[in-house]
Amino acid sequence: HQVGAAVQGAPACNGWTFWHFEGEGGRRPIDLLRQQVR
């Protein structure tokens, strides 16, 4: 969250939806991996 906000110059950021990994079909939000763990 901190790095996501910093690179945008924003006061806050939801890192789970901002950051993406390379998965099947292209970039996917890391929140999908969190849901997989849950």
PDB file of all heavy atoms in Angstrom:
ATOM      1  N   HIS A   1       0.831  -1.204   0.000  1.00  0.00           N
ATOM      2  CA  HIS A   1       0.000   0.000   0.000  1.00  0.00           C
ATOM      3  C   HIS A   1       0.873   1.265   0.000  1.00  0.00           C
ATOM      4  O   HIS A   1       0.601   2.216  -0.730  1.00  0.00           O
ATOM      5  CB  HIS A   1      -0.933   0.004   1.210  1.00  0.00           C
ATOM      6  CG  HIS A   1      -1.651  -1.294   1.421  1.00  0.00           C
ATOM      7  ND1 HIS A   1      -2.561  -1.805   0.516  1.00  0.00           N
ATOM      8  CD2 HIS A   1      -1.565  -2.208   2.431  1.00  0.00           C
ATOM      9  CE1 HIS A   1      -3.021  -2.970   0.967  1.00  0.00           C
ATOM     10  NE2 HIS A   1      -2.427  -3.235   2.122  1.00  0.00           N
ATOM     11  N   GLN A   2       1.924   1.248   0.822  1.00  0.00           N
ATOM     12  CA  GLN A   2       2.807   2.417   0.920  1.00  0.00           C
ATOM     13  C   GLN A   2       3.522   2.690  -0.400  1.00  0.00           C
ATOM     14  O   GLN A   2       3.581   3.835  -0.869  1.00  0.00           O
ATOM     15  CB  GLN A   2       3.830   2.200   2.044  1.00  0.00           C
ATOM     16  CG  GLN A   2       3.219   2.189   3.433  1.00  0.00           C
ATOM     17  CD  GLN A   2       4.192   1.691   4.490  1.00  0.00           C
ATOM     18  OE1 GLN A   2       5.136   0.940   4.198  1.00  0.00           O
ATOM     19  NE2 GLN A   2       3.987   2.106   5.734  1.00  0.00           N
ATOM     20  N   VAL A   3       4.062   1.645  -1.010  1.00  0.00           N
ATOM     21  CA  VAL A   3       4.793   1.833  -2.262  1.00  0.00           C
ATOM     22  C   VAL A   3       3.822   2.197  -3.390  1.00  0.00           C
ATOM     23  O   VAL A   3       4.135   3.039  -4.244  1.00  0.00           O
ATOM     24  CB  VAL A   3       5.607   0.576  -2.614  1.00  0.00           C
ATOM     25  CG1 VAL A   3       6.275   0.724  -3.978  1.00  0.00           C
ATOM     26  CG2 VAL A   3       6.659   0.310  -1.536  1.00  0.00           C
ATOM     27  N   GLY A   4       2.640   1.587  -3.393  1.00  0.00           N
ATOM     28  CA  GLY A   4       1.652   1.940  -4.400  1.00  0.00           C
ATOM     29  C   GLY A   4       1.275   3.405  -4.336  1.00  0.00           C
ATOM     30  O   GLY A   4       1.133   4.078  -5.369  1.00  0.00           O
ATOM     31  N   ALA A   5       1.136   3.930  -3.124  1.00  0.00           N
ATOM     32  CA  ALA A   5       0.808   5.347  -2.969  1.00  0.00           C
ATOM     33  C   ALA A   5       1.981   6.227  -3.383  1.00  0.00           C
ATOM     34  O   ALA A   5       1.813   7.251  -4.054  1.00  0.00           O
ATOM     35  CB  ALA A   5       0.403   5.630  -1.523  1.00  0.00           C
ATOM     36  N   ALA A   6       3.194   5.806  -2.995  1.00  0.00           N
ATOM     37  CA  ALA A   6       4.384   6.628  -3.271  1.00  0.00           C
ATOM     38  C   ALA A   6       4.634   6.777  -4.769  1.00  0.00           C
ATOM     39  O   ALA A   6       4.941   7.868  -5.256  1.00  0.00           O
ATOM     40  CB  ALA A   6       5.605   6.019  -2.584  1.00  0.00           C
ATOM     41  N   VAL A   7       4.535   5.689  -5.534  1.00  0.00           N
ATOM     42  CA  VAL A   7       4.846   5.780  -6.967  1.00  0.00           C
ATOM     43  C   VAL A   7       3.801   6.592  -7.731  1.00  0.00           C
ATOM     44  O   VAL A   7       4.058   7.072  -8.837  1.00  0.00           O
ATOM     45  CB  VAL A   7       4.964   4.373  -7.595  1.00  0.00           C
ATOM     46  CG1 VAL A   7       6.120   3.606  -6.971  1.00  0.00           C
ATOM     47  CG2 VAL A   7       3.663   3.582  -7.472  1.00  0.00           C
ATOM     48  N   GLN A   8       2.622   6.775  -7.119  1.00  0.00           N
ATOM     49  CA  GLN A   8       1.582   7.590  -7.759  1.00  0.00           C
ATOM     50  C   GLN A   8       1.567   9.021  -7.240  1.00  0.00           C
ATOM     51  O   GLN A   8       0.874   9.879  -7.799  1.00  0.00           O
ATOM     52  CB  GLN A   8       0.197   6.983  -7.493  1.00  0.00           C
ATOM     53  CG  GLN A   8      -0.017   5.601  -8.053  1.00  0.00           C
ATOM     54  CD  GLN A   8      -1.388   5.080  -7.660  1.00  0.00           C
ATOM     55  OE1 GLN A   8      -2.383   5.339  -8.340  1.00  0.00           O
ATOM     56  NE2 GLN A   8      -1.444   4.347  -6.546  1.00  0.00           N
ATOM     57  N   GLY A   9       2.319   9.248  -6.146  1.00  0.00           N
ATOM     58  CA  GLY A   9       2.237  10.553  -5.498  1.00  0.00           C
ATOM     59  C   GLY A   9       0.868  10.774  -4.887  1.00  0.00           C
ATOM     60  O   GLY A   9       0.373  11.905  -4.821  1.00  0.00           O
ATOM     61  N   ALA A  10       0.239   9.660  -4.433  1.00  0.00           N
ATOM     62  CA  ALA A  10      -1.116   9.716  -3.880  1.00  0.00           C
ATOM     63  C   ALA A  10      -1.064   9.569  -2.359  1.00  0.00           C
ATOM     64  O   ALA A  10      -0.117   8.999  -1.806  1.00  0.00           O
ATOM     65  CB  ALA A  10      -1.974   8.608  -4.484  1.00  0.00           C
ATOM     66  N   PRO A  11      -2.074  10.065  -1.660  1.00  0.00           N
ATOM     67  CA  PRO A  11      -2.081   9.950  -0.198  1.00  0.00           C
ATOM     68  C   PRO A  11      -2.311   8.529   0.294  1.00  0.00           C
ATOM     69  O   PRO A  11      -1.922   8.188   1.413  1.00  0.00           O
ATOM     70  CB  PRO A  11      -3.237  10.868   0.224  1.00  0.00           C
ATOM     71  CG  PRO A  11      -4.129  10.943  -0.973  1.00  0.00           C
ATOM     72  CD  PRO A  11      -3.213  10.866  -2.150  1.00  0.00           C
ATOM     73  N   ALA A  12      -2.956   7.683  -0.514  1.00  0.00           N
ATOM     74  CA  ALA A  12      -3.242   6.308  -0.099  1.00  0.00           C
ATOM     75  C   ALA A  12      -3.430   5.440  -1.337  1.00  0.00           C
ATOM     76  O   ALA A  12      -3.623   5.945  -2.443  1.00  0.00           O
ATOM     77  CB  ALA A  12      -4.493   6.261   0.775  1.00  0.00           C
ATOM     78  N   CYS A  13      -3.357   4.137  -1.125  1.00  0.00           N
ATOM     79  CA  CYS A  13      -3.511   3.207  -2.254  1.00  0.00           C
ATOM     80  C   CYS A  13      -3.912   1.840  -1.716  1.00  0.00           C
ATOM     81  O   CYS A  13      -3.425   1.406  -0.661  1.00  0.00           O
ATOM     82  CB  CYS A  13      -2.190   3.085  -3.018  1.00  0.00           C
ATOM     83  SG  CYS A  13      -2.145   1.778  -4.275  1.00  0.00           S
ATOM     84  N   ASN A  14      -4.801   1.163  -2.413  1.00  0.00           N
ATOM     85  CA  ASN A  14      -5.117  -0.232  -2.116  1.00  0.00           C
ATOM     86  C   ASN A  14      -4.180  -1.091  -2.951  1.00  0.00           C
ATOM     87  O   ASN A  14      -4.406  -1.317  -4.143  1.00  0.00           O
ATOM     88  CB  ASN A  14      -6.579  -0.536  -2.450  1.00  0.00           C
ATOM     89  CG  ASN A  14      -6.955  -1.974  -2.108  1.00  0.00           C
ATOM     90  OD1 ASN A  14      -6.100  -2.812  -1.800  1.00  0.00           O
ATOM     91  ND2 ASN A  14      -8.240  -2.269  -2.158  1.00  0.00           N
ATOM     92  N   GLY A  15      -3.108  -1.554  -2.318  1.00  0.00           N
ATOM     93  CA  GLY A  15      -2.095  -2.311  -3.044  1.00  0.00           C
ATOM     94  C   GLY A  15      -2.591  -3.602  -3.637  1.00  0.00           C
ATOM     95  O   GLY A  15      -2.062  -4.070  -4.658  1.00  0.00           O
ATOM     96  N   TRP A  16      -3.626  -4.184  -3.028  1.00  0.00           N
ATOM     97  CA  TRP A  16      -4.143  -5.456  -3.521  1.00  0.00           C
ATOM     98  C   TRP A  16      -4.726  -5.326  -4.923  1.00  0.00           C
ATOM     99  O   TRP A  16      -4.666  -6.271  -5.718  1.00  0.00           O
ATOM    100  CB  TRP A  16      -5.204  -6.010  -2.567  1.00  0.00           C
ATOM    101  CG  TRP A  16      -4.650  -6.477  -1.261  1.00  0.00           C
ATOM    102  CD1 TRP A  16      -4.781  -5.870  -0.042  1.00  0.00           C
ATOM    103  CD2 TRP A  16      -3.853  -7.647  -1.037  1.00  0.00           C
ATOM    104  NE1 TRP A  16      -4.131  -6.583   0.928  1.00  0.00           N
ATOM    105  CE2 TRP A  16      -3.559  -7.685   0.344  1.00  0.00           C
ATOM    106  CE3 TRP A  16      -3.374  -8.659  -1.855  1.00  0.00           C
ATOM    107  CZ2 TRP A  16      -2.795  -8.702   0.912  1.00  0.00           C
ATOM    108  CZ3 TRP A  16      -2.608  -9.689  -1.289  1.00  0.00           C
ATOM    109  CH2 TRP A  16      -2.330  -9.694   0.076  1.00  0.00           C
ATOM    110  N   THR A  17      -5.313  -4.205  -5.226  1.00  0.00           N
ATOM    111  CA  THR A  17      -5.893  -4.009  -6.560  1.00  0.00           C
ATOM    112  C   THR A  17      -4.973  -3.223  -7.490  1.00  0.00           C
ATOM    113  O   THR A  17      -5.120  -3.288  -8.715  1.00  0.00           O
ATOM    114  CB  THR A  17      -7.255  -3.298  -6.458  1.00  0.00           C
ATOM    115  OG1 THR A  17      -7.092  -2.062  -5.740  1.00  0.00           O
ATOM    116  CG2 THR A  17      -8.267  -4.164  -5.722  1.00  0.00           C
ATOM    117  N   PHE A  18      -4.008  -2.472  -6.920  1.00  0.00           N
ATOM    118  CA  PHE A  18      -3.108  -1.661  -7.749  1.00  0.00           C
ATOM    119  C   PHE A  18      -2.025  -2.522  -8.396  1.00  0.00           C
ATOM    120  O   PHE A  18      -1.724  -2.385  -9.586  1.00  0.00           O
ATOM    121  CB  PHE A  18      -2.467  -0.564  -6.911  1.00  0.00           C
ATOM    122  CG  PHE A  18      -1.489   0.289  -7.676  1.00  0.00           C
ATOM    123  CD1 PHE A  18      -1.944   1.264  -8.552  1.00  0.00           C
ATOM    124  CD2 PHE A  18      -0.115   0.123  -7.523  1.00  0.00           C
ATOM    125  CE1 PHE A  18      -1.049   2.052  -9.268  1.00  0.00           C
ATOM    126  CE2 PHE A  18       0.782   0.899  -8.223  1.00  0.00           C
ATOM    127  CZ  PHE A  18       0.312   1.873  -9.101  1.00  0.00           C
ATOM    128  N   TRP A  19      -1.407  -3.435  -7.601  1.00  0.00           N
ATOM    129  CA  TRP A  19      -0.289  -4.226  -8.110  1.00  0.00           C
ATOM    130  C   TRP A  19      -0.784  -5.479  -8.822  1.00  0.00           C
ATOM    131  O   TRP A  19      -1.717  -6.157  -8.375  1.00  0.00           O
ATOM    132  CB  TRP A  19       0.657  -4.612  -6.972  1.00  0.00           C
ATOM    133  CG  TRP A  19       1.360  -3.433  -6.372  1.00  0.00           C
ATOM    134  CD1 TRP A  19       1.183  -2.920  -5.127  1.00  0.00           C
ATOM    135  CD2 TRP A  19       2.339  -2.613  -7.010  1.00  0.00           C
ATOM    136  NE1 TRP A  19       1.987  -1.829  -4.941  1.00  0.00           N
ATOM    137  CE2 TRP A  19       2.715  -1.611  -6.088  1.00  0.00           C
ATOM    138  CE3 TRP A  19       2.938  -2.612  -8.274  1.00  0.00           C
ATOM    139  CZ2 TRP A  19       3.653  -0.641  -6.372  1.00  0.00           C
ATOM    140  CZ3 TRP A  19       3.875  -1.636  -8.561  1.00  0.00           C
ATOM    141  CH2 TRP A  19       4.232  -0.664  -7.628  1.00  0.00           C
ATOM    142  N   HIS A  20      -0.126  -5.802  -9.934  1.00  0.00           N
ATOM    143  CA  HIS A  20      -0.502  -6.936 -10.771  1.00  0.00           C
ATOM    144  C   HIS A  20       0.708  -7.850 -11.003  1.00  0.00           C
ATOM    145  O   HIS A  20       1.862  -7.400 -10.991  1.00  0.00           O
ATOM    146  CB  HIS A  20      -1.030  -6.468 -12.132  1.00  0.00           C
ATOM    147  CG  HIS A  20      -2.368  -5.805 -12.070  1.00  0.00           C
ATOM    148  ND1 HIS A  20      -2.593  -4.650 -11.352  1.00  0.00           N
ATOM    149  CD2 HIS A  20      -3.552  -6.144 -12.653  1.00  0.00           C
ATOM    150  CE1 HIS A  20      -3.870  -4.300 -11.487  1.00  0.00           C
ATOM    151  NE2 HIS A  20      -4.465  -5.179 -12.270  1.00  0.00           N
ATOM    152  N   PHE A  21       0.439  -9.124 -11.203  1.00  0.00           N
ATOM    153  CA  PHE A  21       1.470 -10.090 -11.564  1.00  0.00           C
ATOM    154  C   PHE A  21       1.143 -10.620 -12.963  1.00  0.00           C
ATOM    155  O   PHE A  21       0.015 -10.482 -13.452  1.00  0.00           O
ATOM    156  CB  PHE A  21       1.544 -11.237 -10.548  1.00  0.00           C
ATOM    157  CG  PHE A  21       0.324 -12.126 -10.536  1.00  0.00           C
ATOM    158  CD1 PHE A  21       0.303 -13.337 -11.220  1.00  0.00           C
ATOM    159  CD2 PHE A  21      -0.823 -11.751  -9.835  1.00  0.00           C
ATOM    160  CE1 PHE A  21      -0.808 -14.152 -11.216  1.00  0.00           C
ATOM    161  CE2 PHE A  21      -1.948 -12.558  -9.825  1.00  0.00           C
ATOM    162  CZ  PHE A  21      -1.943 -13.757 -10.522  1.00  0.00           C
ATOM    163  N   GLU A  22       2.132 -11.219 -13.613  1.00  0.00           N
ATOM    164  CA  GLU A  22       1.908 -11.795 -14.935  1.00  0.00           C
ATOM    165  C   GLU A  22       1.341 -13.198 -14.777  1.00  0.00           C
ATOM    166  O   GLU A  22       1.987 -14.099 -14.246  1.00  0.00           O
ATOM    167  CB  GLU A  22       3.220 -11.853 -15.726  1.00  0.00           C
ATOM    168  CG  GLU A  22       3.765 -10.491 -16.114  1.00  0.00           C
ATOM    169  CD  GLU A  22       2.877  -9.764 -17.124  1.00  0.00           C
ATOM    170  OE1 GLU A  22       2.170 -10.458 -17.886  1.00  0.00           O
ATOM    171  OE2 GLU A  22       2.909  -8.520 -17.132  1.00  0.00           O
ATOM    172  N   GLY A  23       0.106 -13.364 -15.200  1.00  0.00           N
ATOM    173  CA  GLY A  23      -0.543 -14.666 -15.102  1.00  0.00           C
ATOM    174  C   GLY A  23      -1.139 -15.068 -16.429  1.00  0.00           C
ATOM    175  O   GLY A  23      -0.880 -14.444 -17.463  1.00  0.00           O
ATOM    176  N   GLU A  24      -1.930 -16.122 -16.402  1.00  0.00           N
ATOM    177  CA  GLU A  24      -2.582 -16.571 -17.629  1.00  0.00           C
ATOM    178  C   GLU A  24      -3.505 -15.477 -18.144  1.00  0.00           C
ATOM    179  O   GLU A  24      -4.312 -14.933 -17.417  1.00  0.00           O
ATOM    180  CB  GLU A  24      -3.409 -17.839 -17.354  1.00  0.00           C
ATOM    181  CG  GLU A  24      -2.555 -19.084 -17.165  1.00  0.00           C
ATOM    182  CD  GLU A  24      -3.433 -20.321 -17.075  1.00  0.00           C
ATOM    183  OE1 GLU A  24      -4.494 -20.335 -17.738  1.00  0.00           O
ATOM    184  OE2 GLU A  24      -3.061 -21.241 -16.345  1.00  0.00           O
ATOM    185  N   GLY A  25      -3.321 -15.144 -19.405  1.00  0.00           N
ATOM    186  CA  GLY A  25      -4.168 -14.117 -19.990  1.00  0.00           C
ATOM    187  C   GLY A  25      -3.669 -12.708 -19.770  1.00  0.00           C
ATOM    188  O   GLY A  25      -4.361 -11.749 -20.108  1.00  0.00           O
ATOM    189  N   GLY A  26      -2.473 -12.562 -19.174  1.00  0.00           N
ATOM    190  CA  GLY A  26      -1.934 -11.223 -18.991  1.00  0.00           C
ATOM    191  C   GLY A  26      -1.820 -10.826 -17.536  1.00  0.00           C
ATOM    192  O   GLY A  26      -1.697 -11.677 -16.652  1.00  0.00           O
ATOM    193  N   ARG A  27      -1.836  -9.533 -17.278  1.00  0.00           N
ATOM    194  CA  ARG A  27      -1.650  -9.019 -15.915  1.00  0.00           C
ATOM    195  C   ARG A  27      -2.895  -9.290 -15.081  1.00  0.00           C
ATOM    196  O   ARG A  27      -4.015  -9.011 -15.497  1.00  0.00           O
ATOM    197  CB  ARG A  27      -1.347  -7.526 -15.941  1.00  0.00           C
ATOM    198  CG  ARG A  27      -0.041  -7.189 -16.661  1.00  0.00           C
ATOM    199  CD  ARG A  27       0.289  -5.698 -16.518  1.00  0.00           C
ATOM    200  NE  ARG A  27       1.483  -5.389 -17.301  1.00  0.00           N
ATOM    201  CZ  ARG A  27       1.468  -4.947 -18.546  1.00  0.00           C
ATOM    202  NH1 ARG A  27       0.294  -4.746 -19.149  1.00  0.00           N
ATOM    203  NH2 ARG A  27       2.582  -4.707 -19.205  1.00  0.00           N
ATOM    204  N   ARG A  28      -2.685  -9.784 -13.859  1.00  0.00           N
ATOM    205  CA  ARG A  28      -3.796 -10.097 -12.945  1.00  0.00           C
ATOM    206  C   ARG A  28      -3.511  -9.433 -11.606  1.00  0.00           C
ATOM    207  O   ARG A  28      -2.371  -9.430 -11.126  1.00  0.00           O
ATOM    208  CB  ARG A  28      -3.929 -11.609 -12.745  1.00  0.00           C
ATOM    209  CG  ARG A  28      -3.922 -12.420 -14.034  1.00  0.00           C
ATOM    210  CD  ARG A  28      -5.170 -12.184 -14.863  1.00  0.00           C
ATOM    211  NE  ARG A  28      -6.357 -12.620 -14.187  1.00  0.00           N
ATOM    212  CZ  ARG A  28      -6.782 -13.891 -14.147  1.00  0.00           C
ATOM    213  NH1 ARG A  28      -6.060 -14.847 -14.774  1.00  0.00           N
ATOM    214  NH2 ARG A  28      -7.896 -14.216 -13.540  1.00  0.00           N
ATOM    215  N   PRO A  29      -4.515  -8.894 -10.928  1.00  0.00           N
ATOM    216  CA  PRO A  29      -4.290  -8.253  -9.621  1.00  0.00           C
ATOM    217  C   PRO A  29      -3.876  -9.285  -8.576  1.00  0.00           C
ATOM    218  O   PRO A  29      -4.362 -10.420  -8.570  1.00  0.00           O
ATOM    219  CB  PRO A  29      -5.643  -7.622  -9.296  1.00  0.00           C
ATOM    220  CG  PRO A  29      -6.630  -8.396 -10.095  1.00  0.00           C
ATOM    221  CD  PRO A  29      -5.926  -8.788 -11.355  1.00  0.00           C
ATOM    222  N   ILE A  30      -2.973  -8.881  -7.695  1.00  0.00           N
ATOM    223  CA  ILE A  30      -2.507  -9.807  -6.661  1.00  0.00           C
ATOM    224  C   ILE A  30      -3.631 -10.179  -5.698  1.00  0.00           C
ATOM    225  O   ILE A  30      -3.498 -11.147  -4.936  1.00  0.00           O
ATOM    226  CB  ILE A  30      -1.304  -9.231  -5.889  1.00  0.00           C
ATOM    227  CG1 ILE A  30      -1.656  -7.908  -5.210  1.00  0.00           C
ATOM    228  CG2 ILE A  30      -0.101  -9.065  -6.811  1.00  0.00           C
ATOM    229  CD1 ILE A  30      -0.555  -7.379  -4.297  1.00  0.00           C
ATOM    230  N   ASP A  31      -4.729  -9.442  -5.719  1.00  0.00           N
ATOM    231  CA  ASP A  31      -5.862  -9.794  -4.871  1.00  0.00           C
ATOM    232  C   ASP A  31      -6.392 -11.180  -5.214  1.00  0.00           C
ATOM    233  O   ASP A  31      -6.952 -11.873  -4.357  1.00  0.00           O
ATOM    234  CB  ASP A  31      -6.981  -8.758  -5.019  1.00  0.00           C
ATOM    235  CG  ASP A  31      -8.027  -8.895  -3.931  1.00  0.00           C
ATOM    236  OD1 ASP A  31      -7.658  -9.129  -2.770  1.00  0.00           O
ATOM    237  OD2 ASP A  31      -9.237  -8.776  -4.245  1.00  0.00           O
ATOM    238  N   LEU A  32      -6.216 -11.633  -6.456  1.00  0.00           N
ATOM    239  CA  LEU A  32      -6.634 -12.981  -6.831  1.00  0.00           C
ATOM    240  C   LEU A  32      -5.846 -14.040  -6.053  1.00  0.00           C
ATOM    241  O   LEU A  32      -6.377 -15.095  -5.700  1.00  0.00           O
ATOM    242  CB  LEU A  32      -6.453 -13.192  -8.340  1.00  0.00           C
ATOM    243  CG  LEU A  32      -7.352 -12.365  -9.271  1.00  0.00           C
ATOM    244  CD1 LEU A  32      -7.015 -12.655 -10.720  1.00  0.00           C
ATOM    245  CD2 LEU A  32      -8.813 -12.668  -8.991  1.00  0.00           C
ATOM    246  N   LEU A  33      -4.562 -13.757  -5.811  1.00  0.00           N
ATOM    247  CA  LEU A  33      -3.751 -14.699  -5.029  1.00  0.00           C
ATOM    248  C   LEU A  33      -4.208 -14.701  -3.573  1.00  0.00           C
ATOM    249  O   LEU A  33      -4.207 -15.754  -2.933  1.00  0.00           O
ATOM    250  CB  LEU A  33      -2.277 -14.291  -5.122  1.00  0.00           C
ATOM    251  CG  LEU A  33      -1.681 -14.273  -6.549  1.00  0.00           C
ATOM    252  CD1 LEU A  33      -0.229 -13.813  -6.507  1.00  0.00           C
ATOM    253  CD2 LEU A  33      -1.787 -15.649  -7.192  1.00  0.00           C
ATOM    254  N   ARG A  34      -4.602 -13.524  -3.069  1.00  0.00           N
ATOM    255  CA  ARG A  34      -5.121 -13.474  -1.689  1.00  0.00           C
ATOM    256  C   ARG A  34      -6.399 -14.310  -1.579  1.00  0.00           C
ATOM    257  O   ARG A  34      -6.586 -15.053  -0.596  1.00  0.00           O
ATOM    258  CB  ARG A  34      -5.404 -12.029  -1.286  1.00  0.00           C
ATOM    259  CG  ARG A  34      -5.991 -11.911   0.116  1.00  0.00           C
ATOM    260  CD  ARG A  34      -6.068 -10.488   0.606  1.00  0.00           C
ATOM    261  NE  ARG A  34      -6.947  -9.632  -0.186  1.00  0.00           N
ATOM    262  CZ  ARG A  34      -7.414  -8.461   0.246  1.00  0.00           C
ATOM    263  NH1 ARG A  34      -7.045  -8.015   1.438  1.00  0.00           N
ATOM    264  NH2 ARG A  34      -8.184  -7.730  -0.519  1.00  0.00           N
ATOM    265  N   GLN A  35      -7.287 -14.204  -2.580  1.00  0.00           N
ATOM    266  CA  GLN A  35      -8.511 -14.992  -2.545  1.00  0.00           C
ATOM    267  C   GLN A  35      -8.211 -16.481  -2.627  1.00  0.00           C
ATOM    268  O   GLN A  35      -8.918 -17.303  -2.035  1.00  0.00           O
ATOM    269  CB  GLN A  35      -9.427 -14.565  -3.697  1.00  0.00           C
ATOM    270  CG  GLN A  35      -9.972 -13.158  -3.588  1.00  0.00           C
ATOM    271  CD  GLN A  35     -10.757 -12.932  -2.322  1.00  0.00           C
ATOM    272  OE1 GLN A  35     -11.420 -13.839  -1.820  1.00  0.00           O
ATOM    273  NE2 GLN A  35     -10.673 -11.731  -1.766  1.00  0.00           N
ATOM    274  N   GLN A  36      -7.159 -16.834  -3.333  1.00  0.00           N
ATOM    275  CA  GLN A  36      -6.756 -18.240  -3.436  1.00  0.00           C
ATOM    276  C   GLN A  36      -6.331 -18.771  -2.080  1.00  0.00           C
ATOM    277  O   GLN A  36      -6.653 -19.910  -1.705  1.00  0.00           O
ATOM    278  CB  GLN A  36      -5.622 -18.365  -4.452  1.00  0.00           C
ATOM    279  CG  GLN A  36      -5.209 -19.797  -4.759  1.00  0.00           C
ATOM    280  CD  GLN A  36      -4.163 -19.841  -5.875  1.00  0.00           C
ATOM    281  OE1 GLN A  36      -4.118 -18.994  -6.745  1.00  0.00           O
ATOM    282  NE2 GLN A  36      -3.292 -20.854  -5.802  1.00  0.00           N
ATOM    283  N   VAL A  37      -5.599 -17.961  -1.318  1.00  0.00           N
ATOM    284  CA  VAL A  37      -5.172 -18.362   0.027  1.00  0.00           C
ATOM    285  C   VAL A  37      -6.393 -18.524   0.923  1.00  0.00           C
ATOM    286  O   VAL A  37      -6.519 -19.491   1.675  1.00  0.00           O
ATOM    287  CB  VAL A  37      -4.199 -17.339   0.623  1.00  0.00           C
ATOM    288  CG1 VAL A  37      -3.915 -17.647   2.084  1.00  0.00           C
ATOM    289  CG2 VAL A  37      -2.894 -17.316  -0.175  1.00  0.00           C
ATOM    290  N   ARG A  38      -7.325 -17.558   0.871  1.00  0.00           N
ATOM    291  CA  ARG A  38      -8.529 -17.635   1.704  1.00  0.00           C
ATOM    292  C   ARG A  38      -9.328 -18.889   1.397  1.00  0.00           C
ATOM    293  O   ARG A  38      -9.877 -19.519   2.317  1.00  0.00           O
ATOM    294  CB  ARG A  38      -9.394 -16.390   1.452  1.00  0.00           C
ATOM    295  CG  ARG A  38      -8.954 -15.148   2.212  1.00  0.00           C
ATOM    296  CD  ARG A  38      -9.987 -14.067   2.138  1.00  0.00           C
ATOM    297  NE  ARG A  38      -9.604 -12.926   2.944  1.00  0.00           N
ATOM    298  CZ  ARG A  38      -9.621 -11.669   2.509  1.00  0.00           C
ATOM    299  NH1 ARG A  38     -10.023 -11.397   1.269  1.00  0.00           N
ATOM    300  NH2 ARG A  38      -9.265 -10.683   3.310  1.00  0.00           N
TER     301      ARG A  38
END
